[in-house]
């Protein structure tokens, strides 16, 4: 029912920027939380940022001030602007979605999201 496709990953030097995009195919009558998660080799998948239908956002402490999540409802596109990238940001980045009711707060928790994209690789060199 919900299809997500990420794009925009690549290799950059520390301090550089990348903008990830997620094309979403979903119903228009439901509210969703949209999020970005990442997973490095040998590590658990962790939350990066989430955004609600009302535009509210939550970020992992490690990316606050550097990353910005946004969405274009007209185009059904989710974006993640990543600035001042660090080698620690190297990971596979995944787009995710979960249906929400009554304007509840969007969680930055992996297990709360049932819909996932295939991921796009981000590599930051020193």
C-alpha atoms as a PDB file:
ATOM      1  CA  UNK A   1       0.000   0.000   0.000  1.00  0.00           C
ATOM      2  CA  UNK A   2       2.815   2.414   0.896  1.00  0.00           C
ATOM      3  CA  UNK A   3       5.864   2.450  -1.343  1.00  0.00           C
ATOM      4  CA  UNK A   4       9.021   4.393  -0.572  1.00  0.00           C
ATOM      5  CA  UNK A   5      12.046   4.930  -2.799  1.00  0.00           C
ATOM      6  CA  UNK A   6      15.161   6.769  -1.613  1.00  0.00           C
ATOM      7  CA  UNK A   7      17.707   8.586  -3.755  1.00  0.00           C
ATOM      8  CA  UNK A   8      20.504  11.123  -3.416  1.00  0.00           C
ATOM      9  CA  UNK A   9      23.134   9.126  -1.578  1.00  0.00           C
ATOM     10  CA  UNK A  10      26.789   9.284  -2.498  1.00  0.00           C
ATOM     11  CA  UNK A  11      30.334   9.884  -1.305  1.00  0.00           C
ATOM     12  CA  UNK A  12      31.479  13.219   0.098  1.00  0.00           C
ATOM     13  CA  UNK A  13      34.334  14.618   2.146  1.00  0.00           C
ATOM     14  CA  UNK A  14      33.867  15.626   5.764  1.00  0.00           C
ATOM     15  CA  UNK A  15      32.199  19.009   5.972  1.00  0.00           C
ATOM     16  CA  UNK A  16      30.319  18.500   2.741  1.00  0.00           C
ATOM     17  CA  UNK A  17      26.591  18.261   2.085  1.00  0.00           C
ATOM     18  CA  UNK A  18      24.093  15.873   0.577  1.00  0.00           C
ATOM     19  CA  UNK A  19      20.353  15.994   0.082  1.00  0.00           C
ATOM     20  CA  UNK A  20      18.430  12.747   0.250  1.00  0.00           C
ATOM     21  CA  UNK A  21      14.986  12.335  -1.243  1.00  0.00           C
ATOM     22  CA  UNK A  22      12.225   9.819  -0.701  1.00  0.00           C
ATOM     23  CA  UNK A  23       9.432   9.428  -3.220  1.00  0.00           C
ATOM     24  CA  UNK A  24       6.316   8.223  -1.434  1.00  0.00           C
ATOM     25  CA  UNK A  25       3.301   6.479  -2.888  1.00  0.00           C
ATOM     26  CA  UNK A  26       0.555   6.461  -0.272  1.00  0.00           C
ATOM     27  CA  UNK A  27      -3.108   7.216   0.385  1.00  0.00           C
ATOM     28  CA  UNK A  28      -4.080  10.861   0.748  1.00  0.00           C
ATOM     29  CA  UNK A  29      -6.791  10.443   3.364  1.00  0.00           C
ATOM     30  CA  UNK A  30      -4.552   9.357   6.211  1.00  0.00           C
ATOM     31  CA  UNK A  31      -1.952  11.222   8.242  1.00  0.00           C
ATOM     32  CA  UNK A  32       1.561   9.827   8.379  1.00  0.00           C
ATOM     33  CA  UNK A  33       4.744  10.287  10.264  1.00  0.00           C
ATOM     34  CA  UNK A  34       7.671  10.184   7.863  1.00  0.00           C
ATOM     35  CA  UNK A  35      11.181   9.481   8.994  1.00  0.00           C
ATOM     36  CA  UNK A  36      14.804   8.882   8.182  1.00  0.00           C
ATOM     37  CA  UNK A  37      16.820   6.134   9.817  1.00  0.00           C
ATOM     38  CA  UNK A  38      20.350   4.943   9.224  1.00  0.00           C
ATOM     39  CA  UNK A  39      22.375   1.816   9.759  1.00  0.00           C
ATOM     40  CA  UNK A  40      26.130   1.371   9.670  1.00  0.00           C
ATOM     41  CA  UNK A  41      27.735  -2.065   9.205  1.00  0.00           C
ATOM     42  CA  UNK A  42      27.592  -4.059  12.423  1.00  0.00           C
ATOM     43  CA  UNK A  43      25.344  -1.543  14.140  1.00  0.00           C
ATOM     44  CA  UNK A  44      21.630  -1.317  14.849  1.00  0.00           C
ATOM     45  CA  UNK A  45      19.373   0.876  12.750  1.00  0.00           C
ATOM     46  CA  UNK A  46      18.887   4.215  14.482  1.00  0.00           C
ATOM     47  CA  UNK A  47      16.541   7.144  14.088  1.00  0.00           C
ATOM     48  CA  UNK A  48      17.837  10.298  12.432  1.00  0.00           C
ATOM     49  CA  UNK A  49      14.797  12.530  11.999  1.00  0.00           C
ATOM     50  CA  UNK A  50      11.005  12.364  11.781  1.00  0.00           C
ATOM     51  CA  UNK A  51       8.353  14.801  10.611  1.00  0.00           C
ATOM     52  CA  UNK A  52       4.610  14.821  11.196  1.00  0.00           C
ATOM     53  CA  UNK A  53       1.786  15.905   8.940  1.00  0.00           C
ATOM     54  CA  UNK A  54       1.675  19.174  10.898  1.00  0.00           C
ATOM     55  CA  UNK A  55       5.328  19.845  10.153  1.00  0.00           C
ATOM     56  CA  UNK A  56       6.602  19.055  13.632  1.00  0.00           C
ATOM     57  CA  UNK A  57      10.045  17.469  13.714  1.00  0.00           C
ATOM     58  CA  UNK A  58      12.322  15.469  15.992  1.00  0.00           C
ATOM     59  CA  UNK A  59      16.020  14.831  15.528  1.00  0.00           C
ATOM     60  CA  UNK A  60      18.648  12.584  16.985  1.00  0.00           C
ATOM     61  CA  UNK A  61      21.001  14.593  19.188  1.00  0.00           C
ATOM     62  CA  UNK A  62      23.917  13.650  16.969  1.00  0.00           C
ATOM     63  CA  UNK A  63      22.469  15.443  13.933  1.00  0.00           C
ATOM     64  CA  UNK A  64      20.715  18.455  15.462  1.00  0.00           C
ATOM     65  CA  UNK A  65      21.834  21.671  13.842  1.00  0.00           C
ATOM     66  CA  UNK A  66      23.282  19.835  10.846  1.00  0.00           C
ATOM     67  CA  UNK A  67      20.378  17.920   9.312  1.00  0.00           C
ATOM     68  CA  UNK A  68      16.961  19.211   8.284  1.00  0.00           C
ATOM     69  CA  UNK A  69      13.985  17.039   7.384  1.00  0.00           C
ATOM     70  CA  UNK A  70      11.183  18.417   5.230  1.00  0.00           C
ATOM     71  CA  UNK A  71       8.321  17.261   3.061  1.00  0.00           C
ATOM     72  CA  UNK A  72       6.544  18.452  -0.035  1.00  0.00           C
ATOM     73  CA  UNK A  73       2.993  17.163   0.221  1.00  0.00           C
ATOM     74  CA  UNK A  74       2.105  18.216  -3.313  1.00  0.00           C
ATOM     75  CA  UNK A  75       4.888  16.037  -4.682  1.00  0.00           C
ATOM     76  CA  UNK A  76       4.690  13.347  -1.991  1.00  0.00           C
ATOM     77  CA  UNK A  77       8.385  13.761  -1.388  1.00  0.00           C
ATOM     78  CA  UNK A  78      10.366  13.564   1.834  1.00  0.00           C
ATOM     79  CA  UNK A  79      13.817  15.149   2.005  1.00  0.00           C
ATOM     80  CA  UNK A  80      16.789  15.181   4.331  1.00  0.00           C
ATOM     81  CA  UNK A  81      19.274  18.009   3.906  1.00  0.00           C
ATOM     82  CA  UNK A  82      22.562  16.965   5.471  1.00  0.00           C
ATOM     83  CA  UNK A  83      25.196  19.621   6.096  1.00  0.00           C
ATOM     84  CA  UNK A  84      28.560  19.564   7.858  1.00  0.00           C
ATOM     85  CA  UNK A  85      28.778  15.829   7.316  1.00  0.00           C
ATOM     86  CA  UNK A  86      31.087  13.780   9.498  1.00  0.00           C
ATOM     87  CA  UNK A  87      32.637  10.334   8.968  1.00  0.00           C
ATOM     88  CA  UNK A  88      30.335   9.118  11.749  1.00  0.00           C
ATOM     89  CA  UNK A  89      27.381   9.842   9.449  1.00  0.00           C
ATOM     90  CA  UNK A  90      28.471   7.092   7.082  1.00  0.00           C
ATOM     91  CA  UNK A  91      25.612   4.598   6.825  1.00  0.00           C
ATOM     92  CA  UNK A  92      22.790   3.268   4.733  1.00  0.00           C
ATOM     93  CA  UNK A  93      19.926   5.732   5.041  1.00  0.00           C
ATOM     94  CA  UNK A  94      16.339   4.527   4.976  1.00  0.00           C
ATOM     95  CA  UNK A  95      13.061   6.334   4.468  1.00  0.00           C
ATOM     96  CA  UNK A  96      10.178   5.126   6.630  1.00  0.00           C
ATOM     97  CA  UNK A  97       6.493   5.832   7.237  1.00  0.00           C
ATOM     98  CA  UNK A  98       3.819   5.055   9.820  1.00  0.00           C
ATOM     99  CA  UNK A  99       0.142   5.974   9.924  1.00  0.00           C
ATOM    100  CA  UNK A 100      -0.830   8.315  12.759  1.00  0.00           C
ATOM    101  CA  UNK A 101      -4.112   9.371  14.309  1.00  0.00           C
ATOM    102  CA  UNK A 102      -5.237  12.492  16.129  1.00  0.00           C
ATOM    103  CA  UNK A 103      -2.017  14.413  15.727  1.00  0.00           C
ATOM    104  CA  UNK A 104      -0.023  12.149  18.018  1.00  0.00           C
ATOM    105  CA  UNK A 105       3.685  12.821  18.335  1.00  0.00           C
ATOM    106  CA  UNK A 106       5.844  11.088  15.754  1.00  0.00           C
ATOM    107  CA  UNK A 107       8.339   8.744  17.377  1.00  0.00           C
ATOM    108  CA  UNK A 108      11.999   8.491  16.479  1.00  0.00           C
ATOM    109  CA  UNK A 109      11.792   4.767  17.049  1.00  0.00           C
ATOM    110  CA  UNK A 110      12.556   2.118  14.425  1.00  0.00           C
ATOM    111  CA  UNK A 111       9.981  -0.393  15.618  1.00  0.00           C
ATOM    112  CA  UNK A 112       7.139   2.114  15.217  1.00  0.00           C
ATOM    113  CA  UNK A 113       7.541   2.233  11.436  1.00  0.00           C
ATOM    114  CA  UNK A 114       6.065  -0.578   9.315  1.00  0.00           C
ATOM    115  CA  UNK A 115       6.855   0.876   5.884  1.00  0.00           C
ATOM    116  CA  UNK A 116      10.411   1.105   4.586  1.00  0.00           C
ATOM    117  CA  UNK A 117      12.365   1.967   1.480  1.00  0.00           C
ATOM    118  CA  UNK A 118      15.375   0.015   0.235  1.00  0.00           C
ATOM    119  CA  UNK A 119      17.927   2.554   1.418  1.00  0.00           C
ATOM    120  CA  UNK A 120      20.588   4.767  -0.120  1.00  0.00           C
ATOM    121  CA  UNK A 121      24.255   4.729   0.853  1.00  0.00           C
ATOM    122  CA  UNK A 122      25.997   7.778   2.306  1.00  0.00           C
ATOM    123  CA  UNK A 123      29.763   7.671   2.730  1.00  0.00           C
ATOM    124  CA  UNK A 124      31.712  10.494   4.361  1.00  0.00           C
ATOM    125  CA  UNK A 125      35.502  10.421   4.140  1.00  0.00           C
ATOM    126  CA  UNK A 126      37.973  12.201   6.402  1.00  0.00           C
END
